[in-house]
Amino acid sequence: MATLVDTNILLRMMQPHSAQAQIAERALGALRRDRETLHIASQNVFEFWAVSTRLLSENGLGLTVDRAWQEVLRLKRLFSLLPELPLLPEWERLVVAFRVSGKNSHDTRLVATMAVHGVKNILTFNIDDFARYVSIRVLDPRVIA
């Protein structure tokens, strides 16, 4: 089965001293042992870049562009990058059907990506952000780990 890895999991992997980093790593390891195909999407890369290059004082990771680029390349080696396909019609359908507004629109783009690619699972710490989407299965790394 295929699983999309949410950006918060990717970001926690960059913070090895965080308790969530250890939980994320254990969950990813368990999914790999179960032969899950672990994917990321271009949306994950955009979000990862934004947070990793943002200043620490602005709740970012404070990475340089060069270091962030190396981390993006590493993520693309660790996970299968879903091809960029036209998502707008599916995203539009979802935001209207589920009355999505504000920053949750970013998560809806991930769900649209999942729908277009037939991916049914998402691994995320933000369980509530995806609860409205009945067509997907939300995997909590705290339960898998």
C-alpha atoms as a PDB file:
ATOM      1  CA  MET A   1       0.000   0.000   0.000  1.00  0.00           C
ATOM      2  CA  ALA A   2       1.116   3.574  -0.617  1.00  0.00           C
ATOM      3  CA  THR A   3       1.490   6.240   2.072  1.00  0.00           C
ATOM      4  CA  LEU A   4       2.124   9.960   1.691  1.00  0.00           C
ATOM      5  CA  VAL A   5       4.484  11.369   4.317  1.00  0.00           C
ATOM      6  CA  ASP A   6       3.293  14.737   5.627  1.00  0.00           C
ATOM      7  CA  THR A   7       5.707  17.639   5.853  1.00  0.00           C
ATOM      8  CA  ASN A   8       5.612  17.691   9.653  1.00  0.00           C
ATOM      9  CA  ILE A   9       7.176  14.215   9.649  1.00  0.00           C
ATOM     10  CA  LEU A  10       9.917  15.396   7.279  1.00  0.00           C
ATOM     11  CA  LEU A  11      10.616  18.445   9.429  1.00  0.00           C
ATOM     12  CA  ARG A  12      10.806  16.407  12.647  1.00  0.00           C
ATOM     13  CA  MET A  13      13.457  14.240  10.998  1.00  0.00           C
ATOM     14  CA  MET A  14      15.575  17.414  10.911  1.00  0.00           C
ATOM     15  CA  GLN A  15      15.281  17.845  14.675  1.00  0.00           C
ATOM     16  CA  PRO A  16      16.954  14.713  16.087  1.00  0.00           C
ATOM     17  CA  HIS A  17      16.671  15.851  19.716  1.00  0.00           C
ATOM     18  CA  SER A  18      12.906  16.203  19.485  1.00  0.00           C
ATOM     19  CA  ALA A  19      10.767  13.425  20.962  1.00  0.00           C
ATOM     20  CA  GLN A  20       8.653  13.630  17.808  1.00  0.00           C
ATOM     21  CA  ALA A  21      11.741  12.927  15.674  1.00  0.00           C
ATOM     22  CA  GLN A  22      12.188   9.572  17.351  1.00  0.00           C
ATOM     23  CA  ILE A  23       8.486   8.779  16.973  1.00  0.00           C
ATOM     24  CA  ALA A  24       8.581   9.740  13.279  1.00  0.00           C
ATOM     25  CA  GLU A  25      11.661   7.592  12.632  1.00  0.00           C
ATOM     26  CA  ARG A  26      10.102   4.571  14.385  1.00  0.00           C
ATOM     27  CA  ALA A  27       6.852   4.966  12.427  1.00  0.00           C
ATOM     28  CA  LEU A  28       8.711   5.251   9.117  1.00  0.00           C
ATOM     29  CA  GLY A  29      10.766   2.197  10.014  1.00  0.00           C
ATOM     30  CA  ALA A  30       7.632   0.202  10.843  1.00  0.00           C
ATOM     31  CA  LEU A  31       5.988   1.209   7.554  1.00  0.00           C
ATOM     32  CA  ARG A  32       9.110   0.259   5.620  1.00  0.00           C
ATOM     33  CA  ARG A  33       9.212  -3.132   7.386  1.00  0.00           C
ATOM     34  CA  ASP A  34       5.594  -3.609   6.309  1.00  0.00           C
ATOM     35  CA  ARG A  35       6.743  -2.880   2.738  1.00  0.00           C
ATOM     36  CA  GLU A  36       4.740   0.339   2.463  1.00  0.00           C
ATOM     37  CA  THR A  37       5.721   2.593  -0.418  1.00  0.00           C
ATOM     38  CA  LEU A  38       6.487   5.973   1.152  1.00  0.00           C
ATOM     39  CA  HIS A  39       5.834   9.015  -1.016  1.00  0.00           C
ATOM     40  CA  ILE A  40       6.316  12.746  -0.872  1.00  0.00           C
ATOM     41  CA  ALA A  41       4.739  15.323  -3.175  1.00  0.00           C
ATOM     42  CA  SER A  42       5.950  18.618  -4.583  1.00  0.00           C
ATOM     43  CA  GLN A  43       3.748  20.333  -1.963  1.00  0.00           C
ATOM     44  CA  ASN A  44       5.838  18.642   0.743  1.00  0.00           C
ATOM     45  CA  VAL A  45       9.012  19.959  -0.864  1.00  0.00           C
ATOM     46  CA  PHE A  46       7.603  23.521  -1.015  1.00  0.00           C
ATOM     47  CA  GLU A  47       6.478  23.408   2.626  1.00  0.00           C
ATOM     48  CA  PHE A  48       9.746  21.813   3.784  1.00  0.00           C
ATOM     49  CA  TRP A  49      11.745  24.515   1.984  1.00  0.00           C
ATOM     50  CA  ALA A  50       9.685  27.328   3.490  1.00  0.00           C
ATOM     51  CA  VAL A  51      10.102  26.099   7.061  1.00  0.00           C
ATOM     52  CA  SER A  52      13.686  24.875   6.809  1.00  0.00           C
ATOM     53  CA  THR A  53      14.956  28.166   5.359  1.00  0.00           C
ATOM     54  CA  ARG A  54      12.911  30.360   7.705  1.00  0.00           C
ATOM     55  CA  LEU A  55      14.787  31.898  10.638  1.00  0.00           C
ATOM     56  CA  LEU A  56      14.795  30.114  13.992  1.00  0.00           C
ATOM     57  CA  SER A  57      13.274  33.241  15.536  1.00  0.00           C
ATOM     58  CA  GLU A  58      10.352  32.841  13.110  1.00  0.00           C
ATOM     59  CA  ASN A  59       9.697  29.182  14.025  1.00  0.00           C
ATOM     60  CA  GLY A  60      11.870  27.851  11.217  1.00  0.00           C
ATOM     61  CA  LEU A  61      14.942  25.645  11.113  1.00  0.00           C
ATOM     62  CA  GLY A  62      17.326  28.414  10.015  1.00  0.00           C
ATOM     63  CA  LEU A  63      19.061  26.395   7.300  1.00  0.00           C
ATOM     64  CA  THR A  64      21.058  28.036   4.572  1.00  0.00           C
ATOM     65  CA  VAL A  65      19.845  27.613   1.009  1.00  0.00           C
ATOM     66  CA  ASP A  66      22.721  25.205   0.311  1.00  0.00           C
ATOM     67  CA  ARG A  67      21.945  23.048   3.358  1.00  0.00           C
ATOM     68  CA  ALA A  68      18.209  23.079   2.625  1.00  0.00           C
ATOM     69  CA  TRP A  69      18.933  21.992  -0.945  1.00  0.00           C
ATOM     70  CA  GLN A  70      21.036  19.073   0.318  1.00  0.00           C
ATOM     71  CA  GLU A  71      18.166  18.042   2.583  1.00  0.00           C
ATOM     72  CA  VAL A  72      15.659  18.213  -0.281  1.00  0.00           C
ATOM     73  CA  LEU A  73      17.926  15.958  -2.345  1.00  0.00           C
ATOM     74  CA  ARG A  74      18.156  13.558   0.608  1.00  0.00           C
ATOM     75  CA  LEU A  75      14.352  13.473   0.951  1.00  0.00           C
ATOM     76  CA  LYS A  76      14.028  12.697  -2.742  1.00  0.00           C
ATOM     77  CA  ARG A  77      16.382   9.732  -2.239  1.00  0.00           C
ATOM     78  CA  LEU A  78      14.542   8.479   0.861  1.00  0.00           C
ATOM     79  CA  PHE A  79      11.017   8.776  -0.519  1.00  0.00           C
ATOM     80  CA  SER A  80       9.338   8.320  -3.866  1.00  0.00           C
ATOM     81  CA  LEU A  81       8.413  11.733  -5.298  1.00  0.00           C
ATOM     82  CA  LEU A  82       4.943  11.630  -6.843  1.00  0.00           C
ATOM     83  CA  PRO A  83       4.923  13.183 -10.322  1.00  0.00           C
ATOM     84  CA  GLU A  84       3.424  16.639 -10.649  1.00  0.00           C
ATOM     85  CA  LEU A  85       0.035  16.163 -12.290  1.00  0.00           C
ATOM     86  CA  PRO A  86      -2.845  18.602 -12.795  1.00  0.00           C
ATOM     87  CA  LEU A  87      -4.406  18.905  -9.333  1.00  0.00           C
ATOM     88  CA  LEU A  88      -6.518  22.022  -9.600  1.00  0.00           C
ATOM     89  CA  PRO A  89      -9.847  20.350 -10.478  1.00  0.00           C
ATOM     90  CA  GLU A  90      -9.549  17.875  -7.591  1.00  0.00           C
ATOM     91  CA  TRP A  91      -8.365  20.581  -5.172  1.00  0.00           C
ATOM     92  CA  GLU A  92     -11.302  22.787  -6.178  1.00  0.00           C
ATOM     93  CA  ARG A  93     -13.728  19.917  -5.666  1.00  0.00           C
ATOM     94  CA  LEU A  94     -12.319  19.193  -2.213  1.00  0.00           C
ATOM     95  CA  VAL A  95     -12.195  22.772  -0.904  1.00  0.00           C
ATOM     96  CA  VAL A  96     -15.818  23.346  -1.907  1.00  0.00           C
ATOM     97  CA  ALA A  97     -17.118  19.940  -0.763  1.00  0.00           C
ATOM     98  CA  PHE A  98     -15.386  20.141   2.623  1.00  0.00           C
ATOM     99  CA  ARG A  99     -15.734  23.922   3.116  1.00  0.00           C
ATOM    100  CA  VAL A 100     -11.965  24.380   3.489  1.00  0.00           C
ATOM    101  CA  SER A 101     -10.550  27.830   4.169  1.00  0.00           C
ATOM    102  CA  GLY A 102      -7.317  29.455   5.240  1.00  0.00           C
ATOM    103  CA  LYS A 103      -4.128  27.521   5.837  1.00  0.00           C
ATOM    104  CA  ASN A 104      -5.937  24.178   5.642  1.00  0.00           C
ATOM    105  CA  SER A 105      -5.981  24.774   1.865  1.00  0.00           C
ATOM    106  CA  HIS A 106      -2.372  23.544   1.823  1.00  0.00           C
ATOM    107  CA  ASP A 107      -3.373  20.221   3.373  1.00  0.00           C
ATOM    108  CA  THR A 108      -6.187  19.952   0.842  1.00  0.00           C
ATOM    109  CA  ARG A 109      -3.598  20.123  -1.924  1.00  0.00           C
ATOM    110  CA  LEU A 110      -1.902  17.084  -0.374  1.00  0.00           C
ATOM    111  CA  VAL A 111      -5.247  15.254  -0.303  1.00  0.00           C
ATOM    112  CA  ALA A 112      -5.837  16.215  -3.948  1.00  0.00           C
ATOM    113  CA  THR A 113      -2.408  14.798  -4.792  1.00  0.00           C
ATOM    114  CA  MET A 114      -3.299  11.601  -2.979  1.00  0.00           C
ATOM    115  CA  ALA A 115      -6.595  11.307  -4.872  1.00  0.00           C
ATOM    116  CA  VAL A 116      -4.991  11.871  -8.277  1.00  0.00           C
ATOM    117  CA  HIS A 117      -2.312   9.248  -7.542  1.00  0.00           C
ATOM    118  CA  GLY A 118      -4.548   6.734  -5.753  1.00  0.00           C
ATOM    119  CA  VAL A 119      -2.659   7.039  -2.452  1.00  0.00           C
ATOM    120  CA  LYS A 120      -4.983   6.186   0.447  1.00  0.00           C
ATOM    121  CA  ASN A 121      -2.783   6.755   3.532  1.00  0.00           C
ATOM    122  CA  ILE A 122      -1.075   9.796   5.013  1.00  0.00           C
ATOM    123  CA  LEU A 123       1.401   9.686   7.911  1.00  0.00           C
ATOM    124  CA  THR A 124       1.059  12.879   9.959  1.00  0.00           C
ATOM    125  CA  PHE A 125       1.213  14.324  13.453  1.00  0.00           C
ATOM    126  CA  ASN A 126      -1.675  16.624  12.462  1.00  0.00           C
ATOM    127  CA  ILE A 127      -4.460  14.058  12.662  1.00  0.00           C
ATOM    128  CA  ASP A 128      -7.263  16.605  13.026  1.00  0.00           C
ATOM    129  CA  ASP A 129      -6.212  18.511   9.891  1.00  0.00           C
ATOM    130  CA  PHE A 130      -7.054  15.501   7.733  1.00  0.00           C
ATOM    131  CA  ALA A 131      -9.983  14.015   9.661  1.00  0.00           C
ATOM    132  CA  ARG A 132     -12.619  15.554   7.370  1.00  0.00           C
ATOM    133  CA  TYR A 133     -11.417  13.596   4.338  1.00  0.00           C
ATOM    134  CA  VAL A 134     -13.258  10.300   4.541  1.00  0.00           C
ATOM    135  CA  SER A 135     -11.591   8.901   1.409  1.00  0.00           C
ATOM    136  CA  ILE A 136      -8.165   8.686   3.096  1.00  0.00           C
ATOM    137  CA  ARG A 137      -6.743   6.891   6.107  1.00  0.00           C
ATOM    138  CA  VAL A 138      -4.812   9.082   8.523  1.00  0.00           C
ATOM    139  CA  LEU A 139      -1.901   7.302  10.206  1.00  0.00           C
ATOM    140  CA  ASP A 140      -0.755   8.662  13.555  1.00  0.00           C
ATOM    141  CA  PRO A 141       2.979   7.997  14.025  1.00  0.00           C
ATOM    142  CA  ARG A 142       2.455   7.834  17.803  1.00  0.00           C
ATOM    143  CA  VAL A 143       0.266   4.760  17.269  1.00  0.00           C
ATOM    144  CA  ILE A 144       2.501   3.116  14.662  1.00  0.00           C
ATOM    145  CA  ALA A 145       5.729   3.708  16.579  1.00  0.00           C
END
